[in-house]
Amino acid sequence: MQIYNTIKRPVVTEKSQKLELSWVYTVIVDPSATKVDIKNTFKRLYGVTVEAVNIIKTREKFRNTKTWASLKRKMETKALVSLKGKERISDFAKIKD
């Protein structure tokens, strides 16, 4: 997998901001990306050493109406990337697509 297609965007929420204080970064990744792909992408793009990668697959969320169910949220794959030591990625939340 190509390194620029692996990471789609960072997750910027209150919970992800708290995790960044403990050197864990949250990103939305390509659904076909493996833990090894994500680890190699962080190493090449940001020059940091990755300790662990955890993957979470969120399911679709529907909203029911009288006649049909419409899609409210698509399925996404999140990755929680733990960095080794006390390495940081500067301005991680400002990274765009």
Foldseek 3Di string as FASTA:
>chain_A
DDLVQFFAAFDDDPVQVVVVVQQKTKTWTDPVDDFVSVQVSCCVPQVFHWDGKDKDWDPWDWDDDPPGIHTDDHITMMIITHTPDPDHRPPRNPDHD
